[in-house]
């Protein structure tokens, strides 16, 4: 399994580069992930990027869902397209935020279909 090393500790990633354990995340891990994704070569991340990442984590923890990018920007009082300006795409921001890999729509639909068949 792939990993990154942060302060001598191996942090496991899945095959797509998402954290395996949500609780392994901290700002230094975010910096290592940002470097791996080519978003930032400097640590710490900028205040604007950290606000985006932290809001995404809080939202995910509260709702077990991924926030709509424009919703992030509105809630942290940044320009409407802040996530697109600071990160190449939402998946990259999610990786850096340490949020689990989103389920593809088809996989999600299949899982729901299986559950309804089981009833």
C-alpha atoms as a PDB file:
ATOM      1  CA  UNK A   1       0.000   0.000   0.000  1.00  0.00           C
ATOM      2  CA  UNK A   2       1.347   3.472  -0.826  1.00  0.00           C
ATOM      3  CA  UNK A   3       2.310   5.871   1.946  1.00  0.00           C
ATOM      4  CA  UNK A   4       3.849   9.240   2.678  1.00  0.00           C
ATOM      5  CA  UNK A   5       6.297   9.848   5.483  1.00  0.00           C
ATOM      6  CA  UNK A   6       5.718  12.785   7.816  1.00  0.00           C
ATOM      7  CA  UNK A   7       8.031  13.407  10.749  1.00  0.00           C
ATOM      8  CA  UNK A   8       9.258   9.817  10.637  1.00  0.00           C
ATOM      9  CA  UNK A   9       5.750   8.330  10.636  1.00  0.00           C
ATOM     10  CA  UNK A  10       4.382   6.371   7.674  1.00  0.00           C
ATOM     11  CA  UNK A  11       0.921   7.562   6.706  1.00  0.00           C
ATOM     12  CA  UNK A  12      -1.008   5.045   4.581  1.00  0.00           C
ATOM     13  CA  UNK A  13      -2.706   6.114   1.369  1.00  0.00           C
ATOM     14  CA  UNK A  14      -5.046   4.160  -0.870  1.00  0.00           C
ATOM     15  CA  UNK A  15      -4.135   3.450  -4.490  1.00  0.00           C
ATOM     16  CA  UNK A  16      -5.548   6.829  -5.584  1.00  0.00           C
ATOM     17  CA  UNK A  17      -3.605   8.827  -2.977  1.00  0.00           C
ATOM     18  CA  UNK A  18      -6.373   9.374  -0.395  1.00  0.00           C
ATOM     19  CA  UNK A  19      -5.643   8.900   3.322  1.00  0.00           C
ATOM     20  CA  UNK A  20      -6.657   5.478   4.601  1.00  0.00           C
ATOM     21  CA  UNK A  21      -7.201   6.740   8.172  1.00  0.00           C
ATOM     22  CA  UNK A  22      -9.065  10.051   8.529  1.00  0.00           C
ATOM     23  CA  UNK A  23      -7.464  10.625  11.953  1.00  0.00           C
ATOM     24  CA  UNK A  24      -3.917  10.559  10.535  1.00  0.00           C
ATOM     25  CA  UNK A  25      -4.489  14.069   9.147  1.00  0.00           C
ATOM     26  CA  UNK A  26      -2.839  17.197  10.492  1.00  0.00           C
ATOM     27  CA  UNK A  27      -1.446  20.325   8.829  1.00  0.00           C
ATOM     28  CA  UNK A  28       1.945  18.691   8.212  1.00  0.00           C
ATOM     29  CA  UNK A  29       0.255  15.726   6.537  1.00  0.00           C
ATOM     30  CA  UNK A  30      -1.730  18.235   4.455  1.00  0.00           C
ATOM     31  CA  UNK A  31       1.553  19.860   3.385  1.00  0.00           C
ATOM     32  CA  UNK A  32       3.011  16.487   2.369  1.00  0.00           C
ATOM     33  CA  UNK A  33      -0.136  15.643   0.398  1.00  0.00           C
ATOM     34  CA  UNK A  34      -0.132  19.091  -1.259  1.00  0.00           C
ATOM     35  CA  UNK A  35       3.490  18.559  -2.284  1.00  0.00           C
ATOM     36  CA  UNK A  36       2.673  15.084  -3.631  1.00  0.00           C
ATOM     37  CA  UNK A  37      -0.243  16.523  -5.630  1.00  0.00           C
ATOM     38  CA  UNK A  38       1.845  19.416  -6.956  1.00  0.00           C
ATOM     39  CA  UNK A  39      -0.320  22.076  -5.284  1.00  0.00           C
ATOM     40  CA  UNK A  40       2.274  23.555  -2.929  1.00  0.00           C
ATOM     41  CA  UNK A  41       5.978  23.048  -2.338  1.00  0.00           C
ATOM     42  CA  UNK A  42       5.995  25.185   0.815  1.00  0.00           C
ATOM     43  CA  UNK A  43       4.817  24.408   4.287  1.00  0.00           C
ATOM     44  CA  UNK A  44       2.736  25.596   5.986  1.00  0.00           C
ATOM     45  CA  UNK A  45       0.002  25.980   3.408  1.00  0.00           C
ATOM     46  CA  UNK A  46      -1.355  29.477   2.877  1.00  0.00           C
ATOM     47  CA  UNK A  47      -4.103  30.721   5.190  1.00  0.00           C
ATOM     48  CA  UNK A  48      -6.626  30.666   2.299  1.00  0.00           C
ATOM     49  CA  UNK A  49      -5.833  27.047   1.412  1.00  0.00           C
ATOM     50  CA  UNK A  50      -5.996  25.954   5.043  1.00  0.00           C
ATOM     51  CA  UNK A  51      -9.396  27.614   5.490  1.00  0.00           C
ATOM     52  CA  UNK A  52     -10.717  25.657   2.502  1.00  0.00           C
ATOM     53  CA  UNK A  53      -9.229  22.365   3.690  1.00  0.00           C
ATOM     54  CA  UNK A  54     -10.398  22.766   7.293  1.00  0.00           C
ATOM     55  CA  UNK A  55     -13.941  23.681   6.239  1.00  0.00           C
ATOM     56  CA  UNK A  56     -14.080  20.595   3.983  1.00  0.00           C
ATOM     57  CA  UNK A  57     -12.960  18.384   6.883  1.00  0.00           C
ATOM     58  CA  UNK A  58     -15.488  19.894   9.284  1.00  0.00           C
ATOM     59  CA  UNK A  59     -18.284  19.572   6.742  1.00  0.00           C
ATOM     60  CA  UNK A  60     -17.391  15.949   5.982  1.00  0.00           C
ATOM     61  CA  UNK A  61     -17.170  15.083   9.684  1.00  0.00           C
ATOM     62  CA  UNK A  62     -20.578  16.641  10.360  1.00  0.00           C
ATOM     63  CA  UNK A  63     -22.502  15.394   7.290  1.00  0.00           C
ATOM     64  CA  UNK A  64     -20.442  12.422   5.982  1.00  0.00           C
ATOM     65  CA  UNK A  65     -20.657  14.113   2.608  1.00  0.00           C
ATOM     66  CA  UNK A  66     -18.537  16.282   0.379  1.00  0.00           C
ATOM     67  CA  UNK A  67     -19.335  19.998   0.279  1.00  0.00           C
ATOM     68  CA  UNK A  68     -20.146  21.699  -2.997  1.00  0.00           C
ATOM     69  CA  UNK A  69     -17.078  23.815  -3.864  1.00  0.00           C
ATOM     70  CA  UNK A  70     -18.994  27.109  -4.120  1.00  0.00           C
ATOM     71  CA  UNK A  71     -20.605  26.337  -0.731  1.00  0.00           C
ATOM     72  CA  UNK A  72     -17.114  26.130   0.780  1.00  0.00           C
ATOM     73  CA  UNK A  73     -16.172  29.569  -0.548  1.00  0.00           C
ATOM     74  CA  UNK A  74     -19.360  31.229   0.671  1.00  0.00           C
ATOM     75  CA  UNK A  75     -18.964  29.799   4.170  1.00  0.00           C
ATOM     76  CA  UNK A  76     -15.352  30.868   4.589  1.00  0.00           C
ATOM     77  CA  UNK A  77     -15.986  34.306   3.045  1.00  0.00           C
ATOM     78  CA  UNK A  78     -13.692  33.849   0.063  1.00  0.00           C
ATOM     79  CA  UNK A  79     -14.439  34.579  -3.613  1.00  0.00           C
ATOM     80  CA  UNK A  80     -17.100  32.313  -5.179  1.00  0.00           C
ATOM     81  CA  UNK A  81     -14.563  30.213  -7.100  1.00  0.00           C
ATOM     82  CA  UNK A  82     -11.932  30.016  -4.343  1.00  0.00           C
ATOM     83  CA  UNK A  83     -11.580  26.239  -4.487  1.00  0.00           C
ATOM     84  CA  UNK A  84     -10.927  26.316  -8.231  1.00  0.00           C
ATOM     85  CA  UNK A  85      -8.400  29.147  -7.799  1.00  0.00           C
ATOM     86  CA  UNK A  86      -6.458  27.414  -5.004  1.00  0.00           C
ATOM     87  CA  UNK A  87      -6.657  23.758  -6.132  1.00  0.00           C
ATOM     88  CA  UNK A  88      -6.563  22.183  -9.599  1.00  0.00           C
ATOM     89  CA  UNK A  89      -9.782  20.237  -8.952  1.00  0.00           C
ATOM     90  CA  UNK A  90     -12.037  19.308  -6.020  1.00  0.00           C
ATOM     91  CA  UNK A  91     -10.597  15.789  -5.733  1.00  0.00           C
ATOM     92  CA  UNK A  92      -7.164  17.260  -5.091  1.00  0.00           C
ATOM     93  CA  UNK A  93      -8.558  19.449  -2.317  1.00  0.00           C
ATOM     94  CA  UNK A  94     -10.334  16.416  -0.821  1.00  0.00           C
ATOM     95  CA  UNK A  95      -7.093  14.419  -0.872  1.00  0.00           C
ATOM     96  CA  UNK A  96      -5.193  17.198   0.878  1.00  0.00           C
ATOM     97  CA  UNK A  97      -8.017  17.537   3.412  1.00  0.00           C
ATOM     98  CA  UNK A  98      -7.622  13.857   4.275  1.00  0.00           C
ATOM     99  CA  UNK A  99     -11.213  13.073   3.352  1.00  0.00           C
ATOM    100  CA  UNK A 100     -11.890   9.513   2.102  1.00  0.00           C
ATOM    101  CA  UNK A 101     -12.152   8.895  -1.605  1.00  0.00           C
ATOM    102  CA  UNK A 102     -15.649   9.669  -2.851  1.00  0.00           C
ATOM    103  CA  UNK A 103     -17.703   6.798  -4.157  1.00  0.00           C
ATOM    104  CA  UNK A 104     -18.376   7.023  -7.880  1.00  0.00           C
ATOM    105  CA  UNK A 105     -22.017   7.705  -8.710  1.00  0.00           C
ATOM    106  CA  UNK A 106     -22.427   4.322 -10.386  1.00  0.00           C
ATOM    107  CA  UNK A 107     -21.010   2.513  -7.362  1.00  0.00           C
ATOM    108  CA  UNK A 108     -23.283   4.523  -5.060  1.00  0.00           C
ATOM    109  CA  UNK A 109     -26.338   3.728  -7.176  1.00  0.00           C
ATOM    110  CA  UNK A 110     -25.384   0.023  -7.234  1.00  0.00           C
ATOM    111  CA  UNK A 111     -25.000  -0.025  -3.438  1.00  0.00           C
ATOM    112  CA  UNK A 112     -28.430   1.543  -2.945  1.00  0.00           C
ATOM    113  CA  UNK A 113     -29.982  -0.871  -5.440  1.00  0.00           C
ATOM    114  CA  UNK A 114     -28.479  -3.830  -3.542  1.00  0.00           C
ATOM    115  CA  UNK A 115     -29.857  -2.490  -0.262  1.00  0.00           C
ATOM    116  CA  UNK A 116     -33.357  -2.091  -1.665  1.00  0.00           C
ATOM    117  CA  UNK A 117     -33.260  -5.607  -3.124  1.00  0.00           C
ATOM    118  CA  UNK A 118     -32.278  -7.003   0.295  1.00  0.00           C
ATOM    119  CA  UNK A 119     -35.416  -5.593   1.982  1.00  0.00           C
END
